[in-house]
C-alpha atoms as a PDB file:
ATOM      1  CA  MET A   1      18.993  -7.897  -3.052  1.00  0.00           C
ATOM      2  CA  GLN A   2      19.189 -11.659  -2.597  1.00  0.00           C
ATOM      3  CA  THR A   3      16.411 -13.889  -3.864  1.00  0.00           C
ATOM      4  CA  ARG A   4      15.794 -17.619  -3.636  1.00  0.00           C
ATOM      5  CA  ILE A   5      14.017 -20.090  -5.827  1.00  0.00           C
ATOM      6  CA  ALA A   6      11.259 -21.972  -4.034  1.00  0.00           C
ATOM      7  CA  LEU A   7       8.289 -24.175  -4.823  1.00  0.00           C
ATOM      8  CA  LEU A   8       5.013 -23.875  -2.950  1.00  0.00           C
ATOM      9  CA  ALA A   9       2.911 -27.033  -2.876  1.00  0.00           C
ATOM     10  CA  ILE A  10      -0.701 -26.078  -2.235  1.00  0.00           C
ATOM     11  CA  ILE A  11      -3.713 -28.326  -1.638  1.00  0.00           C
ATOM     12  CA  VAL A  12      -7.163 -26.757  -1.742  1.00  0.00           C
ATOM     13  CA  GLU A  13      -9.808 -28.803   0.056  1.00  0.00           C
ATOM     14  CA  ASN A  14     -12.430 -26.038   0.156  1.00  0.00           C
ATOM     15  CA  PRO A  15     -13.523 -24.813  -3.300  1.00  0.00           C
ATOM     16  CA  GLU A  16     -14.829 -21.609  -1.713  1.00  0.00           C
ATOM     17  CA  ALA A  17     -11.220 -20.688  -0.787  1.00  0.00           C
ATOM     18  CA  VAL A  18     -10.062 -20.508  -4.420  1.00  0.00           C
ATOM     19  CA  GLU A  19     -11.004 -16.847  -4.891  1.00  0.00           C
ATOM     20  CA  GLN A  20      -9.110 -15.790  -1.763  1.00  0.00           C
ATOM     21  CA  LEU A  21      -6.098 -17.917  -2.749  1.00  0.00           C
ATOM     22  CA  ASN A  22      -6.021 -16.434  -6.254  1.00  0.00           C
ATOM     23  CA  GLY A  23      -6.167 -12.950  -4.732  1.00  0.00           C
ATOM     24  CA  ILE A  24      -3.097 -13.659  -2.615  1.00  0.00           C
ATOM     25  CA  LEU A  25      -1.208 -15.135  -5.558  1.00  0.00           C
ATOM     26  CA  HIS A  26      -2.122 -12.087  -7.645  1.00  0.00           C
ATOM     27  CA  GLN A  27      -0.617  -9.794  -4.976  1.00  0.00           C
ATOM     28  CA  TYR A  28       2.694 -11.653  -5.313  1.00  0.00           C
ATOM     29  CA  GLY A  29       2.526 -12.050  -9.092  1.00  0.00           C
ATOM     30  CA  GLU A  30       5.822 -10.231  -9.684  1.00  0.00           C
ATOM     31  CA  TYR A  31       7.663 -13.056  -7.895  1.00  0.00           C
ATOM     32  CA  ILE A  32       5.862 -15.990  -9.526  1.00  0.00           C
ATOM     33  CA  ILE A  33       7.864 -17.831 -12.175  1.00  0.00           C
ATOM     34  CA  GLY A  34       5.010 -20.175 -13.036  1.00  0.00           C
ATOM     35  CA  ARG A  35       2.134 -22.130 -11.603  1.00  0.00           C
ATOM     36  CA  MET A  36       0.322 -25.344 -12.376  1.00  0.00           C
ATOM     37  CA  GLY A  37      -3.026 -26.441 -11.026  1.00  0.00           C
ATOM     38  CA  LEU A  38      -4.529 -29.902 -11.160  1.00  0.00           C
ATOM     39  CA  PRO A  39      -8.123 -30.573 -10.181  1.00  0.00           C
ATOM     40  CA  TYR A  40      -8.445 -33.985  -8.582  1.00  0.00           C
ATOM     41  CA  ARG A  41     -12.179 -34.440  -9.021  1.00  0.00           C
ATOM     42  CA  LYS A  42     -12.218 -37.939  -7.557  1.00  0.00           C
ATOM     43  CA  CYS A  43     -11.291 -36.473  -4.159  1.00  0.00           C
ATOM     44  CA  GLY A  44     -12.835 -33.036  -4.621  1.00  0.00           C
ATOM     45  CA  ILE A  45      -9.537 -31.181  -4.161  1.00  0.00           C
ATOM     46  CA  SER A  46      -7.168 -29.090  -6.251  1.00  0.00           C
ATOM     47  CA  ILE A  47      -3.393 -29.432  -6.203  1.00  0.00           C
ATOM     48  CA  LEU A  48      -1.245 -26.448  -7.152  1.00  0.00           C
ATOM     49  CA  SER A  49       2.469 -25.926  -7.498  1.00  0.00           C
ATOM     50  CA  VAL A  50       3.786 -22.382  -7.630  1.00  0.00           C
ATOM     51  CA  ALA A  51       7.432 -21.639  -8.448  1.00  0.00           C
ATOM     52  CA  VAL A  52       8.762 -18.331  -7.107  1.00  0.00           C
ATOM     53  CA  ASP A  53      11.937 -16.270  -7.221  1.00  0.00           C
ATOM     54  CA  ALA A  54      11.775 -13.870  -4.284  1.00  0.00           C
ATOM     55  CA  PRO A  55      13.542 -12.670  -1.147  1.00  0.00           C
ATOM     56  CA  GLN A  56      13.347 -15.136   1.753  1.00  0.00           C
ATOM     57  CA  ASP A  57      11.005 -12.926   3.780  1.00  0.00           C
ATOM     58  CA  VAL A  58       8.599 -12.523   0.840  1.00  0.00           C
ATOM     59  CA  ILE A  59       8.425 -16.296   0.349  1.00  0.00           C
ATOM     60  CA  SER A  60       7.755 -16.813   4.056  1.00  0.00           C
ATOM     61  CA  THR A  61       5.063 -14.124   4.097  1.00  0.00           C
ATOM     62  CA  LEU A  62       3.369 -15.548   1.008  1.00  0.00           C
ATOM     63  CA  SER A  63       3.387 -19.060   2.446  1.00  0.00           C
ATOM     64  CA  GLY A  64       2.057 -17.771   5.767  1.00  0.00           C
ATOM     65  CA  LYS A  65      -0.820 -15.877   4.132  1.00  0.00           C
ATOM     66  CA  ILE A  66      -1.787 -18.916   2.077  1.00  0.00           C
ATOM     67  CA  GLY A  67      -1.613 -21.137   5.159  1.00  0.00           C
ATOM     68  CA  LYS A  68      -4.122 -18.924   6.967  1.00  0.00           C
ATOM     69  CA  VAL A  69      -6.805 -19.507   4.321  1.00  0.00           C
ATOM     70  CA  SER A  70      -9.385 -21.957   5.626  1.00  0.00           C
ATOM     71  CA  GLY A  71      -9.370 -25.234   3.706  1.00  0.00           C
ATOM     72  CA  VAL A  72      -5.937 -24.636   2.152  1.00  0.00           C
ATOM     73  CA  SER A  73      -2.653 -26.359   3.063  1.00  0.00           C
ATOM     74  CA  VAL A  74       0.784 -25.207   1.897  1.00  0.00           C
ATOM     75  CA  LYS A  75       4.344 -26.486   2.168  1.00  0.00           C
ATOM     76  CA  THR A  76       7.390 -24.706   0.798  1.00  0.00           C
ATOM     77  CA  ALA A  77      10.522 -26.330  -0.604  1.00  0.00           C
ATOM     78  CA  TYR A  78      13.557 -24.075  -0.978  1.00  0.00           C
ATOM     79  CA  SER A  79      16.361 -24.579  -3.457  1.00  0.00           C
ATOM     80  CA  ASN A  80      19.947 -23.844  -2.525  1.00  0.00           C
ATOM     81  CA  VAL A  81      20.109 -21.378  -5.411  1.00  0.00           C
ATOM     82  CA  ILE A  82      20.550 -17.831  -4.119  1.00  0.00           C
ATOM     83  CA  ILE A  83      20.565 -15.018  -6.655  1.00  0.00           C
ATOM     84  CA  ASN A  84      22.363 -11.756  -5.929  1.00  0.00           C
ATOM     85  CA  ASP A  85      20.432  -9.233  -7.979  1.00  0.00           C
ATOM     86  CA  GLU A  86      21.976  -5.808  -7.799  1.00  0.00           C
END
Protein backbone atom coordinates (compact mmCIF):
# COMPACT_ATOMS: atom_id res chain seq x y z
CA MET A 1 0.00 0.00 0.00
CA GLN A 2 1.29 3.47 -0.85
CA THR A 3 0.91 6.31 1.61
CA ARG A 4 1.74 10.00 1.44
CA ILE A 5 2.72 12.56 4.00
CA ALA A 6 0.40 15.56 4.07
CA LEU A 7 -0.41 18.52 6.28
CA LEU A 8 -3.96 19.71 6.82
CA ALA A 9 -4.31 23.38 7.72
CA ILE A 10 -7.61 23.89 9.51
CA ILE A 11 -9.26 27.13 10.64
CA VAL A 12 -12.24 26.90 12.97
CA GLU A 13 -14.41 30.01 12.96
CA ASN A 14 -17.38 28.41 14.75
CA PRO A 15 -16.56 27.13 18.26
CA GLU A 16 -19.64 24.89 18.12
CA ALA A 17 -17.98 22.91 15.29
CA VAL A 18 -15.06 21.75 17.47
CA GLU A 19 -16.83 18.64 18.77
CA GLN A 20 -17.75 17.49 15.26
CA LEU A 21 -14.22 18.22 14.00
CA ASN A 22 -12.64 16.27 16.86
CA GLY A 23 -14.96 13.36 16.10
CA ILE A 24 -13.77 13.25 12.49
CA LEU A 25 -10.13 13.47 13.52
CA HIS A 26 -10.68 10.66 16.02
CA GLN A 27 -12.07 8.43 13.23
CA TYR A 28 -8.81 8.91 11.30
CA GLY A 29 -6.54 8.74 14.35
CA GLU A 30 -4.53 5.79 12.99
CA TYR A 31 -3.22 8.02 10.18
CA ILE A 32 -2.42 11.11 12.27
CA ILE A 33 1.27 11.67 12.96
CA GLY A 34 0.64 14.71 15.14
CA ARG A 35 -1.52 17.76 15.56
CA MET A 36 -1.13 21.24 16.95
CA GLY A 37 -3.90 23.66 17.81
CA LEU A 38 -3.58 27.36 18.49
CA PRO A 39 -6.46 29.42 19.83
CA TYR A 40 -6.36 32.93 18.42
CA ARG A 41 -8.58 34.61 20.99
CA LYS A 42 -8.15 38.07 19.51
CA CYS A 43 -10.07 36.93 16.42
CA GLY A 44 -12.19 34.24 18.06
CA ILE A 45 -10.82 31.43 15.88
CA SER A 46 -8.68 28.33 16.30
CA ILE A 47 -5.90 27.31 13.93
CA LEU A 48 -4.94 23.65 13.68
CA SER A 49 -2.29 21.79 11.75
CA VAL A 50 -2.61 18.03 11.40
CA ALA A 51 0.18 15.92 9.91
CA VAL A 52 -0.92 12.61 8.37
CA ASP A 53 0.63 9.56 6.74
CA ALA A 54 -2.14 7.88 4.76
CA PRO A 55 -3.20 6.64 1.33
CA GLN A 56 -4.14 9.44 -1.08
CA ASP A 57 -7.84 8.56 -1.04
CA VAL A 58 -7.95 8.58 2.78
CA ILE A 59 -6.36 12.04 2.90
CA SER A 60 -8.84 13.34 0.33
CA THR A 61 -11.79 11.83 2.20
CA LEU A 62 -10.62 13.26 5.52
CA SER A 63 -10.14 16.71 4.03
CA GLY A 64 -13.55 16.53 2.35
CA LYS A 65 -15.33 15.55 5.57
CA ILE A 66 -13.65 18.37 7.48
CA GLY A 67 -14.52 20.84 4.72
CA LYS A 68 -18.21 19.98 5.04
CA VAL A 69 -18.32 21.05 8.70
CA SER A 70 -20.01 24.44 8.99
CA GLY A 71 -17.62 27.14 10.17
CA VAL A 72 -14.48 25.12 9.37
CA SER A 73 -12.04 25.68 6.49
CA VAL A 74 -9.34 23.21 5.43
CA LYS A 75 -6.49 23.17 2.93
CA THR A 76 -4.19 20.22 2.34
CA ALA A 77 -0.52 20.38 1.38
CA TYR A 78 1.01 17.16 0.06
CA SER A 79 4.66 16.23 0.26
CA ASN A 80 6.38 14.43 -2.58
CA VAL A 81 7.28 11.64 -0.16
CA ILE A 82 5.49 8.42 -1.09
CA ILE A 83 5.94 5.43 1.18
CA ASN A 84 5.56 1.90 -0.16
CA ASP A 85 4.45 -0.06 2.88
CA GLU A 86 4.15 -3.74 2.14
